[in-house]
PDB file of all heavy atoms in Angstrom:
ATOM      1  N   GLU A   1       0.832  -1.202   0.000  1.00  0.00           N
ATOM      2  CA  GLU A   1       0.000   0.000   0.000  1.00  0.00           C
ATOM      3  C   GLU A   1       0.867   1.253   0.000  1.00  0.00           C
ATOM      4  O   GLU A   1       0.564   2.240  -0.681  1.00  0.00           O
ATOM      5  CB  GLU A   1      -0.918  -0.017   1.218  1.00  0.00           C
ATOM      6  CG  GLU A   1      -1.891  -1.183   1.253  1.00  0.00           C
ATOM      7  CD  GLU A   1      -2.626  -1.284   2.583  1.00  0.00           C
ATOM      8  OE1 GLU A   1      -2.535  -0.327   3.386  1.00  0.00           O
ATOM      9  OE2 GLU A   1      -3.271  -2.329   2.827  1.00  0.00           O
ATOM     10  N   ILE A   2       1.961   1.242   0.773  1.00  0.00           N
ATOM     11  CA  ILE A   2       2.866   2.396   0.802  1.00  0.00           C
ATOM     12  C   ILE A   2       3.483   2.600  -0.572  1.00  0.00           C
ATOM     13  O   ILE A   2       3.595   3.730  -1.067  1.00  0.00           O
ATOM     14  CB  ILE A   2       3.956   2.180   1.873  1.00  0.00           C
ATOM     15  CG1 ILE A   2       3.335   2.240   3.273  1.00  0.00           C
ATOM     16  CG2 ILE A   2       5.065   3.229   1.739  1.00  0.00           C
ATOM     17  CD1 ILE A   2       4.262   1.755   4.374  1.00  0.00           C
ATOM     18  N   GLY A   3       3.901   1.510  -1.215  1.00  0.00           N
ATOM     19  CA  GLY A   3       4.471   1.627  -2.548  1.00  0.00           C
ATOM     20  C   GLY A   3       3.486   2.199  -3.546  1.00  0.00           C
ATOM     21  O   GLY A   3       3.838   3.059  -4.373  1.00  0.00           O
ATOM     22  N   ALA A   4       2.226   1.754  -3.479  1.00  0.00           N
ATOM     23  CA  ALA A   4       1.221   2.243  -4.414  1.00  0.00           C
ATOM     24  C   ALA A   4       0.934   3.728  -4.214  1.00  0.00           C
ATOM     25  O   ALA A   4       0.705   4.469  -5.167  1.00  0.00           O
ATOM     26  CB  ALA A   4      -0.058   1.422  -4.261  1.00  0.00           C
ATOM     27  N   GLU A   5       0.960   4.179  -2.945  1.00  0.00           N
ATOM     28  CA  GLU A   5       0.624   5.573  -2.660  1.00  0.00           C
ATOM     29  C   GLU A   5       1.801   6.524  -2.792  1.00  0.00           C
ATOM     30  O   GLU A   5       1.640   7.665  -3.253  1.00  0.00           O
ATOM     31  CB  GLU A   5       0.051   5.683  -1.241  1.00  0.00           C
ATOM     32  CG  GLU A   5      -0.392   7.094  -0.873  1.00  0.00           C
ATOM     33  CD  GLU A   5      -1.079   7.164   0.477  1.00  0.00           C
ATOM     34  OE1 GLU A   5      -1.276   6.103   1.113  1.00  0.00           O
ATOM     35  OE2 GLU A   5      -1.422   8.289   0.905  1.00  0.00           O
ATOM     36  N   HIS A   6       2.998   6.066  -2.408  1.00  0.00           N
ATOM     37  CA  HIS A   6       4.130   6.988  -2.316  1.00  0.00           C
ATOM     38  C   HIS A   6       5.293   6.654  -3.263  1.00  0.00           C
ATOM     39  O   HIS A   6       6.179   7.482  -3.445  1.00  0.00           O
ATOM     40  CB  HIS A   6       4.665   7.016  -0.884  1.00  0.00           C
ATOM     41  CG  HIS A   6       3.689   7.494   0.127  1.00  0.00           C
ATOM     42  ND1 HIS A   6       3.378   8.832   0.298  1.00  0.00           N
ATOM     43  CD2 HIS A   6       2.925   6.810   1.041  1.00  0.00           C
ATOM     44  CE1 HIS A   6       2.495   8.954   1.272  1.00  0.00           C
ATOM     45  NE2 HIS A   6       2.198   7.747   1.729  1.00  0.00           N
ATOM     46  N   GLY A   7       5.329   5.446  -3.811  1.00  0.00           N
ATOM     47  CA  GLY A   7       6.448   5.046  -4.649  1.00  0.00           C
ATOM     48  C   GLY A   7       6.334   5.610  -6.053  1.00  0.00           C
ATOM     49  O   GLY A   7       5.368   6.314  -6.377  1.00  0.00           O
ATOM     50  N   PRO A   8       7.298   5.311  -6.910  1.00  0.00           N
ATOM     51  CA  PRO A   8       8.504   4.509  -6.615  1.00  0.00           C
ATOM     52  C   PRO A   8       9.519   5.319  -5.819  1.00  0.00           C
ATOM     53  O   PRO A   8       9.439   6.540  -5.744  1.00  0.00           O
ATOM     54  CB  PRO A   8       9.027   4.169  -8.009  1.00  0.00           C
ATOM     55  CG  PRO A   8       8.597   5.326  -8.862  1.00  0.00           C
ATOM     56  CD  PRO A   8       7.248   5.739  -8.324  1.00  0.00           C
ATOM     57  N   PHE A   9      10.485   4.594  -5.234  1.00  0.00           N
ATOM     58  CA  PHE A   9      11.525   5.216  -4.426  1.00  0.00           C
ATOM     59  C   PHE A   9      12.881   5.014  -5.089  1.00  0.00           C
ATOM     60  O   PHE A   9      13.178   3.938  -5.612  1.00  0.00           O
ATOM     61  CB  PHE A   9      11.545   4.600  -3.020  1.00  0.00           C
ATOM     62  CG  PHE A   9      10.308   4.895  -2.229  1.00  0.00           C
ATOM     63  CD1 PHE A   9       9.260   3.985  -2.192  1.00  0.00           C
ATOM     64  CD2 PHE A   9      10.176   6.089  -1.536  1.00  0.00           C
ATOM     65  CE1 PHE A   9       8.109   4.255  -1.465  1.00  0.00           C
ATOM     66  CE2 PHE A   9       9.021   6.365  -0.808  1.00  0.00           C
ATOM     67  CZ  PHE A   9       7.983   5.449  -0.775  1.00  0.00           C
ATOM     68  N   ASP A  10      13.707   6.056  -5.012  1.00  0.00           N
ATOM     69  CA  ASP A  10      15.067   5.932  -5.534  1.00  0.00           C
ATOM     70  C   ASP A  10      15.911   5.024  -4.648  1.00  0.00           C
ATOM     71  O   ASP A  10      16.825   4.357  -5.136  1.00  0.00           O
ATOM     72  CB  ASP A  10      15.721   7.313  -5.627  1.00  0.00           C
ATOM     73  CG  ASP A  10      14.958   8.230  -6.557  1.00  0.00           C
ATOM     74  OD1 ASP A  10      15.173   8.154  -7.771  1.00  0.00           O
ATOM     75  OD2 ASP A  10      14.118   9.001  -6.054  1.00  0.00           O
ATOM     76  N   ALA A  11      15.620   5.002  -3.341  1.00  0.00           N
ATOM     77  CA  ALA A  11      16.379   4.166  -2.413  1.00  0.00           C
ATOM     78  C   ALA A  11      15.489   3.777  -1.247  1.00  0.00           C
ATOM     79  O   ALA A  11      14.544   4.490  -0.888  1.00  0.00           O
ATOM     80  CB  ALA A  11      17.620   4.914  -1.899  1.00  0.00           C
ATOM     81  N   THR A  12      15.789   2.640  -0.658  1.00  0.00           N
ATOM     82  CA  THR A  12      15.119   2.202   0.563  1.00  0.00           C
ATOM     83  C   THR A  12      16.164   1.907   1.627  1.00  0.00           C
ATOM     84  O   THR A  12      17.255   1.411   1.331  1.00  0.00           O
ATOM     85  CB  THR A  12      14.277   0.940   0.337  1.00  0.00           C
ATOM     86  OG1 THR A  12      15.128  -0.150  -0.034  1.00  0.00           O
ATOM     87  CG2 THR A  12      13.227   1.164  -0.741  1.00  0.00           C
ATOM     88  N   LEU A  13      15.830   2.232   2.863  1.00  0.00           N
ATOM     89  CA  LEU A  13      16.628   1.892   4.046  1.00  0.00           C
ATOM     90  C   LEU A  13      15.826   0.834   4.793  1.00  0.00           C
ATOM     91  O   LEU A  13      14.779   1.139   5.361  1.00  0.00           O
ATOM     92  CB  LEU A  13      16.852   3.125   4.915  1.00  0.00           C
ATOM     93  CG  LEU A  13      17.471   4.339   4.211  1.00  0.00           C
ATOM     94  CD1 LEU A  13      17.393   5.570   5.107  1.00  0.00           C
ATOM     95  CD2 LEU A  13      18.904   4.051   3.807  1.00  0.00           C
ATOM     96  N   VAL A  14      16.312  -0.407   4.770  1.00  0.00           N
ATOM     97  CA  VAL A  14      15.493  -1.539   5.188  1.00  0.00           C
ATOM     98  C   VAL A  14      16.120  -2.250   6.374  1.00  0.00           C
ATOM     99  O   VAL A  14      17.297  -2.636   6.336  1.00  0.00           O
ATOM    100  CB  VAL A  14      15.301  -2.537   4.026  1.00  0.00           C
ATOM    101  CG1 VAL A  14      14.445  -3.716   4.471  1.00  0.00           C
ATOM    102  CG2 VAL A  14      14.658  -1.845   2.830  1.00  0.00           C
ATOM    103  N   GLN A  15      15.309  -2.450   7.439  1.00  0.00           N
ATOM    104  CA  GLN A  15      15.747  -3.206   8.614  1.00  0.00           C
ATOM    105  C   GLN A  15      15.936  -4.668   8.242  1.00  0.00           C
ATOM    106  O   GLN A  15      15.044  -5.311   7.718  1.00  0.00           O
ATOM    107  CB  GLN A  15      14.705  -3.088   9.725  1.00  0.00           C
ATOM    108  CG  GLN A  15      14.938  -4.016  10.916  1.00  0.00           C
ATOM    109  CD  GLN A  15      13.954  -5.179  10.950  1.00  0.00           C
ATOM    110  OE1 GLN A  15      12.751  -4.979  10.955  1.00  0.00           O
ATOM    111  NE2 GLN A  15      14.462  -6.402  10.968  1.00  0.00           N
ATOM    112  N   ILE A  16      17.156  -5.210   8.508  1.00  0.00           N
ATOM    113  CA  ILE A  16      17.423  -6.619   8.180  1.00  0.00           C
ATOM    114  C   ILE A  16      17.966  -7.402   9.366  1.00  0.00           C
ATOM    115  O   ILE A  16      18.180  -8.607   9.244  1.00  0.00           O
ATOM    116  CB  ILE A  16      18.411  -6.752   7.000  1.00  0.00           C
ATOM    117  CG1 ILE A  16      19.805  -6.217   7.392  1.00  0.00           C
ATOM    118  CG2 ILE A  16      17.880  -6.075   5.747  1.00  0.00           C
ATOM    119  CD1 ILE A  16      20.915  -6.696   6.483  1.00  0.00           C
ATOM    120  N   GLY A  17      18.225  -6.766  10.508  1.00  0.00           N
ATOM    121  CA  GLY A  17      18.862  -7.469  11.621  1.00  0.00           C
ATOM    122  C   GLY A  17      17.959  -7.607  12.825  1.00  0.00           C
ATOM    123  O   GLY A  17      16.875  -7.015  12.893  1.00  0.00           O
ATOM    124  N   ALA A  18      18.412  -8.412  13.806  1.00  0.00           N
ATOM    125  CA  ALA A  18      17.718  -8.642  15.085  1.00  0.00           C
ATOM    126  C   ALA A  18      16.414  -9.411  14.896  1.00  0.00           C
ATOM    127  O   ALA A  18      15.424  -9.142  15.552  1.00  0.00           O
ATOM    128  CB  ALA A  18      17.465  -7.331  15.822  1.00  0.00           C
ATOM    129  N   TYR A  19      16.443 -10.400  14.003  1.00  0.00           N
ATOM    130  CA  TYR A  19      15.260 -11.228  13.756  1.00  0.00           C
ATOM    131  C   TYR A  19      15.355 -12.538  14.534  1.00  0.00           C
ATOM    132  O   TYR A  19      16.431 -12.995  14.918  1.00  0.00           O
ATOM    133  CB  TYR A  19      15.127 -11.534  12.254  1.00  0.00           C
ATOM    134  CG  TYR A  19      16.424 -11.948  11.602  1.00  0.00           C
ATOM    135  CD1 TYR A  19      16.882 -13.258  11.660  1.00  0.00           C
ATOM    136  CD2 TYR A  19      17.215 -11.007  10.941  1.00  0.00           C
ATOM    137  CE1 TYR A  19      18.089 -13.626  11.083  1.00  0.00           C
ATOM    138  CE2 TYR A  19      18.417 -11.367  10.359  1.00  0.00           C
ATOM    139  CZ  TYR A  19      18.844 -12.675  10.437  1.00  0.00           C
ATOM    140  OH  TYR A  19      20.054 -13.035   9.867  1.00  0.00           O
ATOM    141  N   ASN A  20      14.200 -13.139  14.771  1.00  0.00           N
ATOM    142  CA  ASN A  20      14.117 -14.417  15.463  1.00  0.00           C
ATOM    143  C   ASN A  20      12.711 -14.951  15.234  1.00  0.00           C
ATOM    144  O   ASN A  20      11.753 -14.175  15.184  1.00  0.00           O
ATOM    145  CB  ASN A  20      14.390 -14.227  16.964  1.00  0.00           C
ATOM    146  CG  ASN A  20      14.464 -15.531  17.734  1.00  0.00           C
ATOM    147  OD1 ASN A  20      13.447 -16.184  17.963  1.00  0.00           O
ATOM    148  ND2 ASN A  20      15.660 -15.903  18.166  1.00  0.00           N
ATOM    149  N   ASN A  21      12.574 -16.263  15.126  1.00  0.00           N
ATOM    150  CA  ASN A  21      11.242 -16.840  14.926  1.00  0.00           C
ATOM    151  C   ASN A  21      10.274 -16.449  16.029  1.00  0.00           C
ATOM    152  O   ASN A  21       9.063 -16.345  15.805  1.00  0.00           O
ATOM    153  CB  ASN A  21      11.333 -18.367  14.873  1.00  0.00           C
ATOM    154  CG  ASN A  21      11.947 -18.857  13.582  1.00  0.00           C
ATOM    155  OD1 ASN A  21      12.186 -18.088  12.651  1.00  0.00           O
ATOM    156  ND2 ASN A  21      12.226 -20.147  13.519  1.00  0.00           N
ATOM    157  N   ASN A  22      10.784 -16.228  17.238  1.00  0.00           N
ATOM    158  CA  ASN A  22       9.909 -15.937  18.374  1.00  0.00           C
ATOM    159  C   ASN A  22       9.358 -14.517  18.357  1.00  0.00           C
ATOM    160  O   ASN A  22       8.449 -14.209  19.134  1.00  0.00           O
ATOM    161  CB  ASN A  22      10.646 -16.195  19.685  1.00  0.00           C
ATOM    162  CG  ASN A  22      10.927 -17.668  19.903  1.00  0.00           C
ATOM    163  OD1 ASN A  22      10.212 -18.526  19.381  1.00  0.00           O
ATOM    164  ND2 ASN A  22      11.972 -17.976  20.653  1.00  0.00           N
ATOM    165  N   TRP A  23       9.909 -13.641  17.541  1.00  0.00           N
ATOM    166  CA  TRP A  23       9.315 -12.311  17.384  1.00  0.00           C
ATOM    167  C   TRP A  23       9.235 -11.938  15.900  1.00  0.00           C
ATOM    168  O   TRP A  23       9.477 -10.827  15.482  1.00  0.00           O
ATOM    169  CB  TRP A  23      10.071 -11.244  18.196  1.00  0.00           C
ATOM    170  CG  TRP A  23      11.541 -11.108  17.952  1.00  0.00           C
ATOM    171  CD1 TRP A  23      12.149 -10.423  16.948  1.00  0.00           C
ATOM    172  CD2 TRP A  23      12.606 -11.625  18.775  1.00  0.00           C
ATOM    173  NE1 TRP A  23      13.519 -10.482  17.073  1.00  0.00           N
ATOM    174  CE2 TRP A  23      13.831 -11.210  18.190  1.00  0.00           C
ATOM    175  CE3 TRP A  23      12.640 -12.389  19.940  1.00  0.00           C
ATOM    176  CZ2 TRP A  23      15.065 -11.551  18.736  1.00  0.00           C
ATOM    177  CZ3 TRP A  23      13.871 -12.728  20.472  1.00  0.00           C
ATOM    178  CH2 TRP A  23      15.067 -12.307  19.875  1.00  0.00           C
ATOM    179  N   ALA A  24       8.819 -12.920  15.093  1.00  0.00           N
ATOM    180  CA  ALA A  24       8.784 -12.728  13.646  1.00  0.00           C
ATOM    181  C   ALA A  24       7.769 -11.688  13.202  1.00  0.00           C
ATOM    182  O   ALA A  24       7.887 -11.140  12.104  1.00  0.00           O
ATOM    183  CB  ALA A  24       8.474 -14.065  12.962  1.00  0.00           C
ATOM    184  N   ASP A  25       6.771 -11.384  14.015  1.00  0.00           N
ATOM    185  CA  ASP A  25       5.769 -10.401  13.621  1.00  0.00           C
ATOM    186  C   ASP A  25       6.284  -8.969  13.682  1.00  0.00           C
ATOM    187  O   ASP A  25       5.675  -8.075  13.087  1.00  0.00           O
ATOM    188  CB  ASP A  25       4.534 -10.504  14.534  1.00  0.00           C
ATOM    189  CG  ASP A  25       3.730 -11.765  14.267  1.00  0.00           C
ATOM    190  OD1 ASP A  25       3.808 -12.292  13.147  1.00  0.00           O
ATOM    191  OD2 ASP A  25       3.040 -12.228  15.194  1.00  0.00           O
ATOM    192  N   ILE A  26       7.391  -8.724  14.396  1.00  0.00           N
ATOM    193  CA  ILE A  26       7.796  -7.329  14.598  1.00  0.00           C
ATOM    194  C   ILE A  26       9.212  -7.012  14.113  1.00  0.00           C
ATOM    195  O   ILE A  26       9.622  -5.867  14.201  1.00  0.00           O
ATOM    196  CB  ILE A  26       7.618  -6.919  16.091  1.00  0.00           C
ATOM    197  CG1 ILE A  26       8.247  -7.920  17.067  1.00  0.00           C
ATOM    198  CG2 ILE A  26       6.147  -6.780  16.422  1.00  0.00           C
ATOM    199  CD1 ILE A  26       9.626  -7.605  17.485  1.00  0.00           C
ATOM    200  N   HIS A  27       9.946  -8.004  13.599  1.00  0.00           N
ATOM    201  CA  HIS A  27      11.233  -7.757  12.947  1.00  0.00           C
ATOM    202  C   HIS A  27      11.332  -8.640  11.716  1.00  0.00           C
ATOM    203  O   HIS A  27      11.026  -9.833  11.771  1.00  0.00           O
ATOM    204  CB  HIS A  27      12.412  -8.076  13.878  1.00  0.00           C
ATOM    205  CG  HIS A  27      12.827  -6.925  14.735  1.00  0.00           C
ATOM    206  ND1 HIS A  27      13.987  -6.951  15.478  1.00  0.00           N
ATOM    207  CD2 HIS A  27      12.272  -5.725  14.976  1.00  0.00           C
ATOM    208  CE1 HIS A  27      14.112  -5.815  16.150  1.00  0.00           C
ATOM    209  NE2 HIS A  27      13.073  -5.053  15.861  1.00  0.00           N
ATOM    210  N   MET A  28      11.799  -8.071  10.619  1.00  0.00           N
ATOM    211  CA  MET A  28      11.894  -8.821   9.375  1.00  0.00           C
ATOM    212  C   MET A  28      13.187  -9.613   9.270  1.00  0.00           C
ATOM    213  O   MET A  28      14.226  -9.206   9.785  1.00  0.00           O
ATOM    214  CB  MET A  28      11.825  -7.861   8.183  1.00  0.00           C
ATOM    215  CG  MET A  28      10.480  -7.217   8.002  1.00  0.00           C
ATOM    216  SD  MET A  28      10.413  -6.221   6.500  1.00  0.00           S
ATOM    217  CE  MET A  28      11.381  -4.776   6.996  1.00  0.00           C
ATOM    218  N   THR A  29      13.130 -10.725   8.552  1.00  0.00           N
ATOM    219  CA  THR A  29      14.336 -11.407   8.107  1.00  0.00           C
ATOM    220  C   THR A  29      14.907 -10.651   6.911  1.00  0.00           C
ATOM    221  O   THR A  29      14.209  -9.819   6.292  1.00  0.00           O
ATOM    222  CB  THR A  29      14.017 -12.845   7.677  1.00  0.00           C
ATOM    223  OG1 THR A  29      13.168 -12.795   6.505  1.00  0.00           O
ATOM    224  CG2 THR A  29      13.336 -13.629   8.790  1.00  0.00           C
ATOM    225  N   PRO A  30      16.157 -10.920   6.534  1.00  0.00           N
ATOM    226  CA  PRO A  30      16.702 -10.252   5.343  1.00  0.00           C
ATOM    227  C   PRO A  30      15.885 -10.523   4.078  1.00  0.00           C
ATOM    228  O   PRO A  30      15.722  -9.625   3.241  1.00  0.00           O
ATOM    229  CB  PRO A  30      18.109 -10.840   5.247  1.00  0.00           C
ATOM    230  CG  PRO A  30      18.464 -11.199   6.652  1.00  0.00           C
ATOM    231  CD  PRO A  30      17.186 -11.686   7.260  1.00  0.00           C
ATOM    232  N   GLU A  31      15.380 -11.747   3.938  1.00  0.00           N
ATOM    233  CA  GLU A  31      14.587 -12.064   2.756  1.00  0.00           C
ATOM    234  C   GLU A  31      13.285 -11.264   2.733  1.00  0.00           C
ATOM    235  O   GLU A  31      12.836 -10.800   1.674  1.00  0.00           O
ATOM    236  CB  GLU A  31      14.292 -13.566   2.712  1.00  0.00           C
ATOM    237  CG  GLU A  31      15.510 -14.430   2.480  1.00  0.00           C
ATOM    238  CD  GLU A  31      16.331 -14.677   3.750  1.00  0.00           C
ATOM    239  OE1 GLU A  31      15.865 -14.324   4.869  1.00  0.00           O
ATOM    240  OE2 GLU A  31      17.442 -15.225   3.639  1.00  0.00           O
ATOM    241  N   GLU A  32      12.681 -11.083   3.893  1.00  0.00           N
ATOM    242  CA  GLU A  32      11.482 -10.258   3.964  1.00  0.00           C
ATOM    243  C   GLU A  32      11.830  -8.788   3.711  1.00  0.00           C
ATOM    244  O   GLU A  32      11.020  -8.038   3.147  1.00  0.00           O
ATOM    245  CB  GLU A  32      10.814 -10.429   5.322  1.00  0.00           C
ATOM    246  CG  GLU A  32      10.155 -11.789   5.494  1.00  0.00           C
ATOM    247  CD  GLU A  32       9.674 -12.054   6.906  1.00  0.00           C
ATOM    248  OE1 GLU A  32      10.331 -11.591   7.866  1.00  0.00           O
ATOM    249  OE2 GLU A  32       8.644 -12.727   7.055  1.00  0.00           O
ATOM    250  N   GLY A  33      13.020  -8.369   4.122  1.00  0.00           N
ATOM    251  CA  GLY A  33      13.461  -7.019   3.804  1.00  0.00           C
ATOM    252  C   GLY A  33      13.559  -6.798   2.308  1.00  0.00           C
ATOM    253  O   GLY A  33      13.185  -5.739   1.784  1.00  0.00           O
ATOM    254  N   LEU A  34      14.063  -7.800   1.586  1.00  0.00           N
ATOM    255  CA  LEU A  34      14.127  -7.704   0.129  1.00  0.00           C
ATOM    256  C   LEU A  34      12.718  -7.608  -0.458  1.00  0.00           C
ATOM    257  O   LEU A  34      12.455  -6.793  -1.354  1.00  0.00           O
ATOM    258  CB  LEU A  34      14.850  -8.919  -0.443  1.00  0.00           C
ATOM    259  CG  LEU A  34      14.911  -8.966  -1.971  1.00  0.00           C
ATOM    260  CD1 LEU A  34      15.835  -7.889  -2.506  1.00  0.00           C
ATOM    261  CD2 LEU A  34      15.349 -10.333  -2.465  1.00  0.00           C
TER     262      LEU A  34
END
C-alpha cells in the first residue's frame, strides 16, 4: 500500500537485523526485507 501511494523510491533503508522466529511479527528477516 505504501508503494502504491508513495512510490517509486530511488532508495530504501530496510531493517534486516535482530530477527528471530519468536518475534517474527515485529522484525523482518533479510529475505522479507528484500
